[in-house]
């Protein structure tokens, strides 16, 4: 089994900052990449950012470029999302995502965290 556990969401004023964390645990052989998606009411889940475990190549949604930074600690199997200059439109449930090769598995599978609420409001 593989688990992704997120933390760091909450309520913040516009212009503020939050840092999300997501730790992967379980029978992990290797992690291909990790990332963050978000979903707000009435909208589809969208990619926020992701990062390749080997090499650290990153990808960001246009709406967060220059404000959010994704990073990974491979020793801890943990991905972080530093969110600065937050806007009300960043309000959503943020989900951690990872492509993981589990011990004993022949294919890489996609795993999701349970989601953490981020609310940007004055």
N, C-alpha and C. Protein backbone atom coordinates (compact mmCIF):
# COMPACT_ATOMS: atom_id res chain seq x y z
N UNK A 1 0.83 -1.20 0.00
CA UNK A 1 0.00 0.00 0.00
C UNK A 1 0.86 1.24 0.00
N UNK A 2 0.34 2.28 -0.63
CA UNK A 2 1.00 3.58 -0.66
C UNK A 2 0.02 4.63 -0.16
N UNK A 3 0.50 5.53 0.65
CA UNK A 3 -0.33 6.62 1.16
C UNK A 3 0.33 7.95 0.88
N UNK A 4 -0.50 8.95 0.56
CA UNK A 4 -0.05 10.33 0.44
C UNK A 4 -0.78 11.13 1.50
N UNK A 5 -0.04 11.78 2.37
CA UNK A 5 -0.63 12.55 3.46
C UNK A 5 -0.24 14.01 3.30
N UNK A 6 -1.26 14.85 3.16
CA UNK A 6 -1.05 16.28 2.95
C UNK A 6 -1.20 17.05 4.25
N UNK A 7 -0.57 18.20 4.29
CA UNK A 7 -0.74 19.11 5.42
C UNK A 7 -0.42 20.53 4.97
N UNK A 8 -0.88 21.50 5.76
CA UNK A 8 -0.50 22.88 5.51
C UNK A 8 -1.58 23.78 4.98
N UNK A 9 -2.78 23.27 4.70
CA UNK A 9 -3.84 24.13 4.22
C UNK A 9 -4.39 25.01 5.32
N UNK A 10 -5.29 25.91 4.94
CA UNK A 10 -5.89 26.77 5.93
C UNK A 10 -6.47 28.02 5.33
N UNK A 11 -6.76 28.98 6.20
CA UNK A 11 -7.33 30.26 5.80
C UNK A 11 -6.24 31.32 5.83
N UNK A 12 -6.16 32.09 4.75
CA UNK A 12 -5.15 33.13 4.67
C UNK A 12 -5.75 34.34 3.95
N UNK A 13 -5.26 35.51 4.29
CA UNK A 13 -5.73 36.73 3.64
C UNK A 13 -5.10 36.89 2.27
N UNK A 14 -5.77 37.60 1.37
CA UNK A 14 -5.16 37.88 0.06
C UNK A 14 -3.79 38.53 0.22
N UNK A 15 -2.84 38.05 -0.59
CA UNK A 15 -1.47 38.52 -0.50
C UNK A 15 -0.62 37.70 0.45
N UNK A 16 -1.24 36.82 1.20
CA UNK A 16 -0.51 36.01 2.16
C UNK A 16 0.14 34.79 1.54
N UNK A 17 0.72 33.95 2.41
CA UNK A 17 1.45 32.77 1.96
C UNK A 17 1.03 31.54 2.75
N UNK A 18 1.15 30.41 2.11
CA UNK A 18 0.95 29.12 2.75
C UNK A 18 1.95 28.14 2.14
N UNK A 19 2.30 27.11 2.91
CA UNK A 19 3.16 26.05 2.40
C UNK A 19 2.47 24.71 2.62
N UNK A 20 2.24 24.02 1.52
CA UNK A 20 1.65 22.69 1.59
C UNK A 20 2.75 21.64 1.55
N UNK A 21 2.51 20.55 2.27
CA UNK A 21 3.44 19.41 2.25
C UNK A 21 2.67 18.14 1.94
N UNK A 22 3.33 17.21 1.29
CA UNK A 22 2.72 15.91 1.01
C UNK A 22 3.80 14.85 1.12
N UNK A 23 3.59 13.92 2.04
CA UNK A 23 4.56 12.85 2.27
C UNK A 23 4.00 11.53 1.76
N UNK A 24 4.79 10.85 0.97
CA UNK A 24 4.42 9.53 0.47
C UNK A 24 5.06 8.46 1.35
N UNK A 25 4.27 7.44 1.65
CA UNK A 25 4.80 6.37 2.49
C UNK A 25 4.22 5.03 2.04
N UNK A 26 4.86 3.95 2.49
CA UNK A 26 4.39 2.63 2.14
C UNK A 26 5.45 1.86 1.38
N UNK A 27 4.98 0.91 0.60
CA UNK A 27 5.88 0.02 -0.13
C UNK A 27 6.31 0.66 -1.45
N UNK A 28 7.16 1.68 -1.33
CA UNK A 28 7.58 2.46 -2.49
C UNK A 28 8.92 1.98 -2.99
N UNK A 29 8.95 1.64 -4.28
CA UNK A 29 10.22 1.29 -4.90
C UNK A 29 10.87 2.53 -5.50
N UNK A 30 10.06 3.31 -6.20
CA UNK A 30 10.56 4.56 -6.75
C UNK A 30 9.40 5.51 -7.04
N UNK A 31 9.71 6.80 -7.03
CA UNK A 31 8.73 7.83 -7.35
C UNK A 31 9.16 8.52 -8.63
N UNK A 32 8.25 8.54 -9.61
CA UNK A 32 8.59 9.18 -10.88
C UNK A 32 8.42 10.69 -10.79
N UNK A 33 7.24 11.12 -10.36
CA UNK A 33 7.03 12.53 -10.13
C UNK A 33 5.96 12.75 -9.07
N UNK A 34 5.92 13.95 -8.57
CA UNK A 34 4.90 14.35 -7.59
C UNK A 34 4.38 15.72 -7.99
N UNK A 35 3.16 16.00 -7.57
CA UNK A 35 2.61 17.29 -7.95
C UNK A 35 1.37 17.63 -7.15
N UNK A 36 0.81 18.77 -7.52
CA UNK A 36 -0.37 19.30 -6.84
C UNK A 36 -1.44 19.66 -7.88
N UNK A 37 -2.65 19.27 -7.59
CA UNK A 37 -3.81 19.66 -8.35
C UNK A 37 -4.74 20.41 -7.39
N UNK A 38 -5.70 21.13 -7.97
CA UNK A 38 -6.70 21.79 -7.14
C UNK A 38 -8.06 21.73 -7.82
N UNK A 39 -9.07 21.80 -6.96
CA UNK A 39 -10.45 21.78 -7.47
C UNK A 39 -11.30 22.68 -6.61
N UNK A 40 -12.00 23.60 -7.26
CA UNK A 40 -12.94 24.48 -6.57
C UNK A 40 -14.35 24.09 -7.01
N UNK A 41 -15.36 24.48 -6.22
CA UNK A 41 -16.74 24.06 -6.51
C UNK A 41 -17.17 24.42 -7.93
N UNK A 42 -17.72 23.44 -8.61
CA UNK A 42 -18.23 23.67 -9.94
C UNK A 42 -17.19 23.64 -11.04
N UNK A 43 -15.94 23.39 -10.66
CA UNK A 43 -14.87 23.38 -11.65
C UNK A 43 -14.18 22.02 -11.68
N UNK A 44 -13.52 21.76 -12.80
CA UNK A 44 -12.76 20.52 -12.91
C UNK A 44 -11.46 20.63 -12.14
N UNK A 45 -10.95 19.47 -11.74
CA UNK A 45 -9.65 19.44 -11.09
C UNK A 45 -8.59 19.86 -12.11
N UNK A 46 -7.68 20.73 -11.68
CA UNK A 46 -6.66 21.24 -12.60
C UNK A 46 -5.27 21.09 -12.01
N UNK A 47 -4.30 20.93 -12.88
CA UNK A 47 -2.92 20.85 -12.45
C UNK A 47 -2.44 22.21 -11.97
N UNK A 48 -1.79 22.22 -10.82
CA UNK A 48 -1.17 23.44 -10.31
C UNK A 48 0.32 23.43 -10.63
N UNK A 49 0.98 22.35 -10.25
CA UNK A 49 2.41 22.21 -10.51
C UNK A 49 2.83 20.77 -10.30
N UNK A 50 3.86 20.35 -11.01
CA UNK A 50 4.45 19.05 -10.73
C UNK A 50 5.95 19.10 -10.92
N UNK A 51 6.61 18.07 -10.40
CA UNK A 51 8.07 18.05 -10.41
C UNK A 51 8.54 16.61 -10.63
N UNK A 52 9.53 16.46 -11.51
CA UNK A 52 10.13 15.16 -11.75
C UNK A 52 11.12 14.86 -10.63
N UNK A 53 11.02 13.67 -10.05
CA UNK A 53 11.86 13.34 -8.90
C UNK A 53 13.34 13.35 -9.25
N UNK A 54 13.65 12.83 -10.41
CA UNK A 54 15.05 12.78 -10.85
C UNK A 54 15.35 13.98 -11.73
N UNK A 55 16.14 14.89 -11.24
CA UNK A 55 16.49 16.06 -12.03
C UNK A 55 15.76 17.32 -11.63
N UNK A 56 14.56 17.16 -11.06
CA UNK A 56 13.84 18.32 -10.55
C UNK A 56 13.16 19.20 -11.55
N UNK A 57 12.94 18.72 -12.76
CA UNK A 57 12.23 19.53 -13.76
C UNK A 57 10.82 19.81 -13.27
N UNK A 58 10.39 21.07 -13.44
CA UNK A 58 9.09 21.49 -12.93
C UNK A 58 8.17 21.99 -14.03
N UNK A 59 6.88 22.01 -13.70
CA UNK A 59 5.86 22.47 -14.63
C UNK A 59 4.80 23.18 -13.80
N UNK A 60 4.38 24.38 -14.26
CA UNK A 60 3.40 25.17 -13.51
C UNK A 60 2.23 25.58 -14.40
N UNK A 61 1.08 25.69 -13.79
CA UNK A 61 -0.05 26.31 -14.47
C UNK A 61 0.27 27.80 -14.65
N UNK A 62 -0.20 28.36 -15.76
CA UNK A 62 0.08 29.78 -16.02
C UNK A 62 -0.42 30.67 -14.89
N UNK A 63 -1.53 30.28 -14.29
CA UNK A 63 -2.16 31.12 -13.27
C UNK A 63 -1.33 31.24 -11.99
N UNK A 64 -0.35 30.35 -11.80
CA UNK A 64 0.43 30.38 -10.56
C UNK A 64 1.90 30.68 -10.79
N UNK A 65 2.31 30.78 -12.04
CA UNK A 65 3.72 31.05 -12.34
C UNK A 65 4.17 32.34 -11.70
N UNK A 66 5.32 32.29 -11.06
CA UNK A 66 5.87 33.46 -10.39
C UNK A 66 5.38 33.64 -8.97
N UNK A 67 4.35 32.89 -8.58
CA UNK A 67 3.81 33.00 -7.22
C UNK A 67 4.00 31.72 -6.42
N UNK A 68 3.90 30.57 -7.08
CA UNK A 68 4.02 29.28 -6.40
C UNK A 68 5.35 28.63 -6.78
N UNK A 69 5.91 27.89 -5.84
CA UNK A 69 7.13 27.14 -6.09
C UNK A 69 6.98 25.72 -5.56
N UNK A 70 7.24 24.75 -6.43
CA UNK A 70 7.18 23.36 -6.02
C UNK A 70 8.60 22.84 -5.82
N UNK A 71 8.76 22.00 -4.81
CA UNK A 71 10.07 21.41 -4.54
C UNK A 71 9.86 20.00 -3.99
N UNK A 72 10.94 19.22 -4.02
CA UNK A 72 10.83 17.84 -3.55
C UNK A 72 12.05 17.47 -2.72
N UNK A 73 11.80 16.69 -1.68
CA UNK A 73 12.87 16.12 -0.87
C UNK A 73 12.81 14.62 -1.10
N UNK A 74 13.68 14.13 -1.96
CA UNK A 74 13.62 12.72 -2.34
C UNK A 74 13.94 11.80 -1.17
N UNK A 75 14.77 12.26 -0.26
CA UNK A 75 15.11 11.42 0.90
C UNK A 75 13.90 11.19 1.80
N UNK A 76 12.98 12.15 1.78
CA UNK A 76 11.79 12.05 2.63
C UNK A 76 10.53 11.70 1.84
N UNK A 77 10.68 11.51 0.52
CA UNK A 77 9.51 11.24 -0.34
C UNK A 77 8.43 12.29 -0.11
N UNK A 78 8.84 13.53 -0.03
CA UNK A 78 7.93 14.62 0.30
C UNK A 78 8.03 15.72 -0.73
N UNK A 79 6.86 16.21 -1.14
CA UNK A 79 6.79 17.34 -2.06
C UNK A 79 6.17 18.52 -1.34
N UNK A 80 6.64 19.70 -1.67
CA UNK A 80 6.18 20.94 -1.05
C UNK A 80 5.64 21.89 -2.11
N UNK A 81 4.69 22.71 -1.70
CA UNK A 81 4.20 23.77 -2.57
C UNK A 81 4.19 25.06 -1.76
N UNK A 82 5.11 25.94 -2.06
CA UNK A 82 5.15 27.24 -1.42
C UNK A 82 4.28 28.18 -2.24
N UNK A 83 3.26 28.72 -1.60
CA UNK A 83 2.30 29.57 -2.28
C UNK A 83 2.39 30.99 -1.71
N UNK A 84 2.81 31.92 -2.54
CA UNK A 84 2.93 33.32 -2.15
C UNK A 84 1.95 34.18 -2.94
N UNK A 85 1.74 35.38 -2.46
CA UNK A 85 0.84 36.34 -3.14
C UNK A 85 -0.49 35.68 -3.48
N UNK A 86 -1.06 35.02 -2.50
CA UNK A 86 -2.29 34.28 -2.74
C UNK A 86 -3.45 35.20 -3.07
N UNK A 87 -4.32 34.71 -3.95
CA UNK A 87 -5.48 35.46 -4.42
C UNK A 87 -6.75 34.67 -4.06
N UNK A 88 -7.87 35.37 -3.98
CA UNK A 88 -9.13 34.65 -3.68
C UNK A 88 -9.40 33.52 -4.68
N UNK A 89 -8.98 33.70 -5.92
CA UNK A 89 -9.22 32.65 -6.93
C UNK A 89 -8.34 31.43 -6.73
N UNK A 90 -7.40 31.48 -5.80
CA UNK A 90 -6.62 30.30 -5.46
C UNK A 90 -7.37 29.39 -4.48
N UNK A 91 -8.50 29.85 -3.98
CA UNK A 91 -9.29 29.06 -3.06
C UNK A 91 -9.74 27.77 -3.71
N UNK A 92 -9.44 26.65 -3.08
CA UNK A 92 -9.76 25.33 -3.64
C UNK A 92 -9.33 24.26 -2.66
N UNK A 93 -9.72 23.04 -2.96
CA UNK A 93 -9.13 21.88 -2.29
C UNK A 93 -7.92 21.47 -3.11
N UNK A 94 -6.79 21.38 -2.45
CA UNK A 94 -5.54 21.02 -3.12
C UNK A 94 -5.23 19.55 -2.86
N UNK A 95 -4.97 18.83 -3.94
CA UNK A 95 -4.71 17.40 -3.87
C UNK A 95 -3.27 17.10 -4.29
N UNK A 96 -2.63 16.29 -3.50
CA UNK A 96 -1.31 15.79 -3.86
C UNK A 96 -1.46 14.60 -4.81
N UNK A 97 -0.56 14.51 -5.76
CA UNK A 97 -0.58 13.44 -6.74
C UNK A 97 0.83 12.91 -6.92
N UNK A 98 0.94 11.60 -7.11
CA UNK A 98 2.27 11.03 -7.31
C UNK A 98 2.19 9.82 -8.24
N UNK A 99 3.19 9.68 -9.09
CA UNK A 99 3.35 8.50 -9.93
C UNK A 99 4.42 7.63 -9.27
N UNK A 100 4.01 6.47 -8.79
CA UNK A 100 4.87 5.65 -7.94
C UNK A 100 4.92 4.22 -8.43
N UNK A 101 6.12 3.66 -8.40
CA UNK A 101 6.30 2.24 -8.65
C UNK A 101 6.37 1.56 -7.28
N UNK A 102 5.37 0.78 -7.01
CA UNK A 102 5.28 0.11 -5.71
C UNK A 102 6.09 -1.19 -5.75
N UNK A 103 6.61 -1.56 -4.61
CA UNK A 103 7.35 -2.82 -4.49
C UNK A 103 6.44 -3.97 -4.92
N UNK A 104 6.92 -4.78 -5.84
CA UNK A 104 6.15 -5.93 -6.29
C UNK A 104 5.20 -5.63 -7.44
N UNK A 105 5.08 -4.37 -7.81
CA UNK A 105 4.19 -3.98 -8.91
C UNK A 105 4.99 -3.90 -10.21
N UNK A 106 4.32 -4.18 -11.33
CA UNK A 106 5.02 -4.14 -12.59
C UNK A 106 4.87 -2.82 -13.32
N UNK A 107 3.94 -1.98 -12.84
CA UNK A 107 3.66 -0.72 -13.52
C UNK A 107 3.65 0.43 -12.52
N UNK A 108 3.92 1.63 -13.05
CA UNK A 108 3.78 2.83 -12.24
C UNK A 108 2.30 3.16 -12.11
N UNK A 109 1.85 3.44 -10.92
CA UNK A 109 0.46 3.81 -10.67
C UNK A 109 0.35 5.24 -10.17
N UNK A 110 -0.84 5.80 -10.34
CA UNK A 110 -1.12 7.14 -9.85
C UNK A 110 -1.79 7.07 -8.49
N UNK A 111 -1.30 7.87 -7.57
CA UNK A 111 -1.87 7.93 -6.23
C UNK A 111 -2.28 9.37 -5.91
N UNK A 112 -3.32 9.48 -5.07
CA UNK A 112 -3.85 10.79 -4.68
C UNK A 112 -3.91 10.90 -3.17
N UNK A 113 -3.69 12.11 -2.69
CA UNK A 113 -3.93 12.40 -1.29
C UNK A 113 -5.40 12.69 -1.05
N UNK A 114 -5.73 12.94 0.22
CA UNK A 114 -7.14 13.13 0.58
C UNK A 114 -7.61 14.56 0.32
N UNK A 115 -6.68 15.46 0.09
CA UNK A 115 -7.03 16.85 -0.19
C UNK A 115 -6.92 17.72 1.05
N UNK A 116 -6.52 18.96 0.84
CA UNK A 116 -6.44 19.93 1.93
C UNK A 116 -7.03 21.25 1.44
N UNK A 117 -7.87 21.85 2.26
CA UNK A 117 -8.57 23.07 1.87
C UNK A 117 -7.66 24.29 2.02
N UNK A 118 -7.63 25.09 0.98
CA UNK A 118 -6.96 26.40 1.01
C UNK A 118 -8.02 27.45 0.73
N UNK A 119 -8.19 28.38 1.66
CA UNK A 119 -9.16 29.45 1.50
C UNK A 119 -8.45 30.79 1.61
N UNK A 120 -8.62 31.61 0.57
CA UNK A 120 -8.00 32.93 0.54
C UNK A 120 -9.13 33.96 0.62
N UNK A 121 -9.21 34.62 1.75
CA UNK A 121 -10.32 35.54 1.99
C UNK A 121 -9.94 36.55 3.05
N UNK A 122 -10.51 37.75 2.91
CA UNK A 122 -10.29 38.77 3.93
C UNK A 122 -11.42 38.76 4.94
